[in-house]
Amino acid sequence: MAQVLKPDQSYTFSKIFELKILADELAQELGYTLSRKRLDLPRFPGGLDRIQELCDRIEEILPYVNLASETSRREVLYKL
């Protein structure tokens, strides 16, 4: 893989996002690995209509979403 980040240059978050580099490639370039896994976060105690349908749909499409693109993230949320 070609080096994307130049060692002699400083980067802000916005500059890194402008590079359109995938998150796993950025992590690898910085010496890390990236893994996606389901988190078990605290849950809302009240009842929500059709929540299981929404959860199932999100889990179905999430592996195919390019999370590096703000437009992709927005489009997915809009279509849900």
PDB file of N, CA and C in Angstrom:
ATOM      1  N   MET A   1       0.840  -1.183   0.000  1.00  0.00           N
ATOM      2  CA  MET A   1       0.000   0.000   0.000  1.00  0.00           C
ATOM      3  C   MET A   1       0.883   1.243   0.000  1.00  0.00           C
ATOM      4  N   ALA A   2       0.548   2.190  -0.845  1.00  0.00           N
ATOM      5  CA  ALA A   2       1.301   3.436  -0.916  1.00  0.00           C
ATOM      6  C   ALA A   2       1.008   4.293   0.310  1.00  0.00           C
ATOM      7  N   GLN A   3       2.018   5.008   0.747  1.00  0.00           N
ATOM      8  CA  GLN A   3       1.860   5.858   1.926  1.00  0.00           C
ATOM      9  C   GLN A   3       1.015   7.075   1.561  1.00  0.00           C
ATOM     10  N   VAL A   4      -0.024   7.320   2.327  1.00  0.00           N
ATOM     11  CA  VAL A   4      -0.940   8.431   2.056  1.00  0.00           C
ATOM     12  C   VAL A   4      -0.560   9.660   2.872  1.00  0.00           C
ATOM     13  N   LEU A   5      -0.232   9.452   4.135  1.00  0.00           N
ATOM     14  CA  LEU A   5       0.147  10.563   5.003  1.00  0.00           C
ATOM     15  C   LEU A   5       1.634  10.847   4.867  1.00  0.00           C
ATOM     16  N   LYS A   6       1.960  12.117   4.738  1.00  0.00           N
ATOM     17  CA  LYS A   6       3.363  12.516   4.614  1.00  0.00           C
ATOM     18  C   LYS A   6       3.894  12.857   6.000  1.00  0.00           C
ATOM     19  N   PRO A   7       5.007  12.239   6.417  1.00  0.00           N
ATOM     20  CA  PRO A   7       5.537  12.446   7.772  1.00  0.00           C
ATOM     21  C   PRO A   7       5.888  13.899   8.092  1.00  0.00           C
ATOM     22  N   ASP A   8       6.240  14.696   7.080  1.00  0.00           N
ATOM     23  CA  ASP A   8       6.656  16.077   7.324  1.00  0.00           C
ATOM     24  C   ASP A   8       5.486  17.068   7.286  1.00  0.00           C
ATOM     25  N   GLN A   9       4.260  16.560   7.210  1.00  0.00           N
ATOM     26  CA  GLN A   9       3.091  17.427   7.132  1.00  0.00           C
ATOM     27  C   GLN A   9       2.172  17.173   8.324  1.00  0.00           C
ATOM     28  N   SER A  10       1.554  18.245   8.832  1.00  0.00           N
ATOM     29  CA  SER A  10       0.584  18.067   9.919  1.00  0.00           C
ATOM     30  C   SER A  10      -0.818  17.983   9.313  1.00  0.00           C
ATOM     31  N   TYR A  11      -1.699  17.273  10.017  1.00  0.00           N
ATOM     32  CA  TYR A  11      -3.044  17.033   9.507  1.00  0.00           C
ATOM     33  C   TYR A  11      -4.088  17.380  10.561  1.00  0.00           C
ATOM     34  N   THR A  12      -5.155  18.012  10.130  1.00  0.00           N
ATOM     35  CA  THR A  12      -6.332  18.201  10.966  1.00  0.00           C
ATOM     36  C   THR A  12      -7.329  17.110  10.579  1.00  0.00           C
ATOM     37  N   PHE A  13      -8.364  16.941  11.384  1.00  0.00           N
ATOM     38  CA  PHE A  13      -9.375  15.944  11.039  1.00  0.00           C
ATOM     39  C   PHE A  13      -9.982  16.238   9.674  1.00  0.00           C
ATOM     40  N   SER A  14     -10.256  17.504   9.403  1.00  0.00           N
ATOM     41  CA  SER A  14     -10.877  17.833   8.118  1.00  0.00           C
ATOM     42  C   SER A  14      -9.950  17.512   6.952  1.00  0.00           C
ATOM     43  N   LYS A  15      -8.637  17.722   7.116  1.00  0.00           N
ATOM     44  CA  LYS A  15      -7.696  17.377   6.043  1.00  0.00           C
ATOM     45  C   LYS A  15      -7.645  15.872   5.812  1.00  0.00           C
ATOM     46  N   ILE A  16      -7.709  15.099   6.886  1.00  0.00           N
ATOM     47  CA  ILE A  16      -7.697  13.645   6.744  1.00  0.00           C
ATOM     48  C   ILE A  16      -8.950  13.183   6.019  1.00  0.00           C
ATOM     49  N   PHE A  17     -10.111  13.760   6.350  1.00  0.00           N
ATOM     50  CA  PHE A  17     -11.348  13.385   5.667  1.00  0.00           C
ATOM     51  C   PHE A  17     -11.308  13.768   4.194  1.00  0.00           C
ATOM     52  N   GLU A  18     -10.638  14.859   3.867  1.00  0.00           N
ATOM     53  CA  GLU A  18     -10.522  15.276   2.469  1.00  0.00           C
ATOM     54  C   GLU A  18      -9.706  14.284   1.649  1.00  0.00           C
ATOM     55  N   LEU A  19      -8.845  13.509   2.292  1.00  0.00           N
ATOM     56  CA  LEU A  19      -8.028  12.524   1.581  1.00  0.00           C
ATOM     57  C   LEU A  19      -8.857  11.364   1.049  1.00  0.00           C
ATOM     58  N   LYS A  20     -10.062  11.179   1.576  1.00  0.00           N
ATOM     59  CA  LYS A  20     -10.959  10.090   1.161  1.00  0.00           C
ATOM     60  C   LYS A  20     -10.316   8.720   1.362  1.00  0.00           C
ATOM     61  N   ILE A  21      -9.516   8.597   2.413  1.00  0.00           N
ATOM     62  CA  ILE A  21      -8.880   7.323   2.739  1.00  0.00           C
ATOM     63  C   ILE A  21      -9.847   6.508   3.596  1.00  0.00           C
ATOM     64  N   LEU A  22      -9.904   5.220   3.360  1.00  0.00           N
ATOM     65  CA  LEU A  22     -10.768   4.350   4.150  1.00  0.00           C
ATOM     66  C   LEU A  22     -10.235   4.243   5.572  1.00  0.00           C
ATOM     67  N   ALA A  23     -11.129   4.068   6.518  1.00  0.00           N
ATOM     68  CA  ALA A  23     -10.752   4.044   7.933  1.00  0.00           C
ATOM     69  C   ALA A  23      -9.747   2.944   8.242  1.00  0.00           C
ATOM     70  N   ASP A  24      -9.920   1.754   7.653  1.00  0.00           N
ATOM     71  CA  ASP A  24      -8.977   0.673   7.939  1.00  0.00           C
ATOM     72  C   ASP A  24      -7.603   0.957   7.352  1.00  0.00           C
ATOM     73  N   GLU A  25      -7.546   1.649   6.215  1.00  0.00           N
ATOM     74  CA  GLU A  25      -6.258   2.019   5.627  1.00  0.00           C
ATOM     75  C   GLU A  25      -5.561   3.083   6.471  1.00  0.00           C
ATOM     76  N   LEU A  26      -6.326   4.032   6.991  1.00  0.00           N
ATOM     77  CA  LEU A  26      -5.755   5.064   7.859  1.00  0.00           C
ATOM     78  C   LEU A  26      -5.217   4.443   9.136  1.00  0.00           C
ATOM     79  N   ALA A  27      -5.986   3.548   9.734  1.00  0.00           N
ATOM     80  CA  ALA A  27      -5.536   2.872  10.952  1.00  0.00           C
ATOM     81  C   ALA A  27      -4.246   2.108  10.688  1.00  0.00           C
ATOM     82  N   GLN A  28      -4.193   1.396   9.568  1.00  0.00           N
ATOM     83  CA  GLN A  28      -2.996   0.624   9.226  1.00  0.00           C
ATOM     84  C   GLN A  28      -1.789   1.546   9.042  1.00  0.00           C
ATOM     85  N   GLU A  29      -1.997   2.673   8.394  1.00  0.00           N
ATOM     86  CA  GLU A  29      -0.896   3.610   8.183  1.00  0.00           C
ATOM     87  C   GLU A  29      -0.364   4.173   9.500  1.00  0.00           C
ATOM     88  N   LEU A  30      -1.239   4.280  10.497  1.00  0.00           N
ATOM     89  CA  LEU A  30      -0.833   4.789  11.807  1.00  0.00           C
ATOM     90  C   LEU A  30      -0.359   3.686  12.744  1.00  0.00           C
ATOM     91  N   GLY A  31      -0.313   2.443  12.233  1.00  0.00           N
ATOM     92  CA  GLY A  31       0.191   1.331  13.027  1.00  0.00           C
ATOM     93  C   GLY A  31      -0.859   0.626  13.861  1.00  0.00           C
ATOM     94  N   TYR A  32      -2.119   0.799  13.514  1.00  0.00           N
ATOM     95  CA  TYR A  32      -3.217   0.165  14.245  1.00  0.00           C
ATOM     96  C   TYR A  32      -4.005  -0.744  13.313  1.00  0.00           C
ATOM     97  N   THR A  33      -4.905  -1.496  13.896  1.00  0.00           N
ATOM     98  CA  THR A  33      -5.850  -2.266  13.099  1.00  0.00           C
ATOM     99  C   THR A  33      -7.252  -1.807  13.467  1.00  0.00           C
ATOM    100  N   LEU A  34      -8.156  -2.000  12.553  1.00  0.00           N
ATOM    101  CA  LEU A  34      -9.539  -1.597  12.766  1.00  0.00           C
ATOM    102  C   LEU A  34     -10.422  -2.826  12.670  1.00  0.00           C
ATOM    103  N   SER A  35     -11.287  -2.973  13.638  1.00  0.00           N
ATOM    104  CA  SER A  35     -12.256  -4.068  13.567  1.00  0.00           C
ATOM    105  C   SER A  35     -13.625  -3.510  13.915  1.00  0.00           C
ATOM    106  N   ARG A  36     -14.613  -4.004  13.209  1.00  0.00           N
ATOM    107  CA  ARG A  36     -15.985  -3.592  13.488  1.00  0.00           C
ATOM    108  C   ARG A  36     -16.650  -4.687  14.289  1.00  0.00           C
ATOM    109  N   LYS A  37     -17.297  -4.287  15.357  1.00  0.00           N
ATOM    110  CA  LYS A  37     -18.033  -5.263  16.146  1.00  0.00           C
ATOM    111  C   LYS A  37     -19.241  -4.572  16.762  1.00  0.00           C
ATOM    112  N   ARG A  38     -20.176  -5.376  17.120  1.00  0.00           N
ATOM    113  CA  ARG A  38     -21.407  -4.860  17.704  1.00  0.00           C
ATOM    114  C   ARG A  38     -21.146  -4.466  19.155  1.00  0.00           C
ATOM    115  N   LEU A  39     -21.596  -3.280  19.532  1.00  0.00           N
ATOM    116  CA  LEU A  39     -21.447  -2.805  20.903  1.00  0.00           C
ATOM    117  C   LEU A  39     -22.748  -3.033  21.659  1.00  0.00           C
ATOM    118  N   ASP A  40     -22.628  -3.374  22.911  1.00  0.00           N
ATOM    119  CA  ASP A  40     -23.804  -3.538  23.754  1.00  0.00           C
ATOM    120  C   ASP A  40     -23.883  -2.321  24.676  1.00  0.00           C
ATOM    121  N   LEU A  41     -24.553  -1.286  24.208  1.00  0.00           N
ATOM    122  CA  LEU A  41     -24.649  -0.023  24.933  1.00  0.00           C
ATOM    123  C   LEU A  41     -25.902   0.003  25.798  1.00  0.00           C
ATOM    124  N   PRO A  42     -25.971   0.917  26.764  1.00  0.00           N
ATOM    125  CA  PRO A  42     -27.180   1.021  27.593  1.00  0.00           C
ATOM    126  C   PRO A  42     -28.411   1.258  26.717  1.00  0.00           C
ATOM    127  N   ARG A  43     -29.522   0.702  27.149  1.00  0.00           N
ATOM    128  CA  ARG A  43     -30.746   0.773  26.353  1.00  0.00           C
ATOM    129  C   ARG A  43     -31.785   1.684  26.995  1.00  0.00           C
ATOM    130  N   PHE A  44     -32.599   2.270  26.150  1.00  0.00           N
ATOM    131  CA  PHE A  44     -33.727   3.098  26.581  1.00  0.00           C
ATOM    132  C   PHE A  44     -34.755   2.196  27.254  1.00  0.00           C
ATOM    133  N   PRO A  45     -35.183   2.529  28.481  1.00  0.00           N
ATOM    134  CA  PRO A  45     -36.076   1.628  29.213  1.00  0.00           C
ATOM    135  C   PRO A  45     -37.524   1.627  28.706  1.00  0.00           C
ATOM    136  N   GLY A  46     -37.919   2.635  27.955  1.00  0.00           N
ATOM    137  CA  GLY A  46     -39.293   2.716  27.464  1.00  0.00           C
ATOM    138  C   GLY A  46     -39.503   1.853  26.228  1.00  0.00           C
ATOM    139  N   GLY A  47     -40.717   1.820  25.776  1.00  0.00           N
ATOM    140  CA  GLY A  47     -41.042   1.043  24.584  1.00  0.00           C
ATOM    141  C   GLY A  47     -40.887   1.867  23.313  1.00  0.00           C
ATOM    142  N   LEU A  48     -40.401   1.249  22.253  1.00  0.00           N
ATOM    143  CA  LEU A  48     -40.254   1.909  20.959  1.00  0.00           C
ATOM    144  C   LEU A  48     -40.939   1.058  19.897  1.00  0.00           C
ATOM    145  N   ASP A  49     -41.730   1.696  19.053  1.00  0.00           N
ATOM    146  CA  ASP A  49     -42.425   0.978  17.988  1.00  0.00           C
ATOM    147  C   ASP A  49     -41.440   0.535  16.908  1.00  0.00           C
ATOM    148  N   ARG A  50     -41.560  -0.679  16.468  1.00  0.00           N
ATOM    149  CA  ARG A  50     -40.817  -1.228  15.323  1.00  0.00           C
ATOM    150  C   ARG A  50     -39.299  -1.150  15.483  1.00  0.00           C
ATOM    151  N   ILE A  51     -38.811  -1.133  16.705  1.00  0.00           N
ATOM    152  CA  ILE A  51     -37.369  -1.013  16.926  1.00  0.00           C
ATOM    153  C   ILE A  51     -36.615  -2.224  16.399  1.00  0.00           C
ATOM    154  N   GLN A  52     -37.186  -3.414  16.536  1.00  0.00           N
ATOM    155  CA  GLN A  52     -36.489  -4.605  16.062  1.00  0.00           C
ATOM    156  C   GLN A  52     -36.333  -4.581  14.546  1.00  0.00           C
ATOM    157  N   GLU A  53     -37.338  -4.091  13.833  1.00  0.00           N
ATOM    158  CA  GLU A  53     -37.240  -3.963  12.376  1.00  0.00           C
ATOM    159  C   GLU A  53     -36.102  -3.021  11.999  1.00  0.00           C
ATOM    160  N   LEU A  54     -35.995  -1.903  12.701  1.00  0.00           N
ATOM    161  CA  LEU A  54     -34.939  -0.936  12.434  1.00  0.00           C
ATOM    162  C   LEU A  54     -33.568  -1.536  12.716  1.00  0.00           C
ATOM    163  N   CYS A  55     -33.423  -2.219  13.840  1.00  0.00           N
ATOM    164  CA  CYS A  55     -32.143  -2.856  14.187  1.00  0.00           C
ATOM    165  C   CYS A  55     -31.744  -3.882  13.135  1.00  0.00           C
ATOM    166  N   ASP A  56     -32.697  -4.692  12.710  1.00  0.00           N
ATOM    167  CA  ASP A  56     -32.413  -5.707  11.694  1.00  0.00           C
ATOM    168  C   ASP A  56     -31.973  -5.064  10.388  1.00  0.00           C
ATOM    169  N   ARG A  57     -32.639  -3.993  10.001  1.00  0.00           N
ATOM    170  CA  ARG A  57     -32.299  -3.305   8.744  1.00  0.00           C
ATOM    171  C   ARG A  57     -30.905  -2.690   8.824  1.00  0.00           C
ATOM    172  N   ILE A  58     -30.583  -2.063   9.933  1.00  0.00           N
ATOM    173  CA  ILE A  58     -29.255  -1.459  10.101  1.00  0.00           C
ATOM    174  C   ILE A  58     -28.177  -2.532  10.018  1.00  0.00           C
ATOM    175  N   GLU A  59     -28.359  -3.636  10.720  1.00  0.00           N
ATOM    176  CA  GLU A  59     -27.364  -4.712  10.695  1.00  0.00           C
ATOM    177  C   GLU A  59     -27.229  -5.328   9.309  1.00  0.00           C
ATOM    178  N   GLU A  60     -28.303  -5.309   8.542  1.00  0.00           N
ATOM    179  CA  GLU A  60     -28.278  -5.871   7.196  1.00  0.00           C
ATOM    180  C   GLU A  60     -27.451  -5.019   6.238  1.00  0.00           C
ATOM    181  N   ILE A  61     -27.592  -3.696   6.330  1.00  0.00           N
ATOM    182  CA  ILE A  61     -26.939  -2.836   5.348  1.00  0.00           C
ATOM    183  C   ILE A  61     -25.609  -2.245   5.800  1.00  0.00           C
ATOM    184  N   LEU A  62     -25.339  -2.213   7.083  1.00  0.00           N
ATOM    185  CA  LEU A  62     -24.135  -1.556   7.594  1.00  0.00           C
ATOM    186  C   LEU A  62     -22.831  -2.083   6.994  1.00  0.00           C
ATOM    187  N   PRO A  63     -22.668  -3.388   6.784  1.00  0.00           N
ATOM    188  CA  PRO A  63     -21.401  -3.848   6.202  1.00  0.00           C
ATOM    189  C   PRO A  63     -21.123  -3.291   4.806  1.00  0.00           C
ATOM    190  N   TYR A  64     -22.131  -2.796   4.128  1.00  0.00           N
ATOM    191  CA  TYR A  64     -21.969  -2.300   2.760  1.00  0.00           C
ATOM    192  C   TYR A  64     -21.836  -0.784   2.677  1.00  0.00           C
ATOM    193  N   VAL A  65     -21.848  -0.109   3.813  1.00  0.00           N
ATOM    194  CA  VAL A  65     -21.801   1.353   3.834  1.00  0.00           C
ATOM    195  C   VAL A  65     -20.364   1.823   3.973  1.00  0.00           C
ATOM    196  N   ASN A  66     -19.972   2.750   3.112  1.00  0.00           N
ATOM    197  CA  ASN A  66     -18.652   3.363   3.199  1.00  0.00           C
ATOM    198  C   ASN A  66     -18.707   4.433   4.286  1.00  0.00           C
ATOM    199  N   LEU A  67     -18.222   4.099   5.473  1.00  0.00           N
ATOM    200  CA  LEU A  67     -18.307   5.023   6.602  1.00  0.00           C
ATOM    201  C   LEU A  67     -17.348   6.199   6.476  1.00  0.00           C
ATOM    202  N   ALA A  68     -16.428   6.148   5.515  1.00  0.00           N
ATOM    203  CA  ALA A  68     -15.500   7.255   5.314  1.00  0.00           C
ATOM    204  C   ALA A  68     -16.184   8.425   4.616  1.00  0.00           C
ATOM    205  N   SER A  69     -17.313   8.174   4.006  1.00  0.00           N
ATOM    206  CA  SER A  69     -18.011   9.206   3.254  1.00  0.00           C
ATOM    207  C   SER A  69     -19.209   9.726   4.047  1.00  0.00           C
ATOM    208  N   GLU A  70     -19.194  11.010   4.329  1.00  0.00           N
ATOM    209  CA  GLU A  70     -20.314  11.612   5.056  1.00  0.00           C
ATOM    210  C   GLU A  70     -21.603  11.481   4.256  1.00  0.00           C
ATOM    211  N   THR A  71     -21.495  11.609   2.950  1.00  0.00           N
ATOM    212  CA  THR A  71     -22.668  11.477   2.090  1.00  0.00           C
ATOM    213  C   THR A  71     -23.263  10.084   2.203  1.00  0.00           C
ATOM    214  N   SER A  72     -22.426   9.070   2.220  1.00  0.00           N
ATOM    215  CA  SER A  72     -22.908   7.688   2.357  1.00  0.00           C
ATOM    216  C   SER A  72     -23.628   7.495   3.680  1.00  0.00           C
ATOM    217  N   ARG A  73     -23.030   7.978   4.742  1.00  0.00           N
ATOM    218  CA  ARG A  73     -23.659   7.830   6.059  1.00  0.00           C
ATOM    219  C   ARG A  73     -25.023   8.515   6.090  1.00  0.00           C
ATOM    220  N   ARG A  74     -25.078   9.718   5.547  1.00  0.00           N
ATOM    221  CA  ARG A  74     -26.324  10.479   5.527  1.00  0.00           C
ATOM    222  C   ARG A  74     -27.394   9.777   4.696  1.00  0.00           C
ATOM    223  N   GLU A  75     -27.013   9.273   3.522  1.00  0.00           N
ATOM    224  CA  GLU A  75     -27.964   8.595   2.646  1.00  0.00           C
ATOM    225  C   GLU A  75     -28.548   7.361   3.320  1.00  0.00           C
ATOM    226  N   VAL A  76     -27.716   6.621   4.022  1.00  0.00           N
ATOM    227  CA  VAL A  76     -28.204   5.417   4.697  1.00  0.00           C
ATOM    228  C   VAL A  76     -29.210   5.790   5.773  1.00  0.00           C
ATOM    229  N   LEU A  77     -28.900   6.792   6.567  1.00  0.00           N
ATOM    230  CA  LEU A  77     -29.829   7.208   7.615  1.00  0.00           C
ATOM    231  C   LEU A  77     -31.129   7.745   7.029  1.00  0.00           C
ATOM    232  N   TYR A  78     -31.032   8.422   5.919  1.00  0.00           N
ATOM    233  CA  TYR A  78     -32.219   8.968   5.270  1.00  0.00           C
ATOM    234  C   TYR A  78     -33.129   7.848   4.770  1.00  0.00           C
ATOM    235  N   LYS A  79     -32.536   6.794   4.235  1.00  0.00           N
ATOM    236  CA  LYS A  79     -33.317   5.694   3.666  1.00  0.00           C
ATOM    237  C   LYS A  79     -33.901   4.772   4.725  1.00  0.00           C
ATOM    238  N   LEU A  80     -33.383   4.825   5.937  1.00  0.00           N
ATOM    239  CA  LEU A  80     -33.934   3.980   6.994  1.00  0.00           C
ATOM    240  C   LEU A  80     -35.264   4.535   7.406  1.00  0.00           C
TER     241      LEU A  80
END
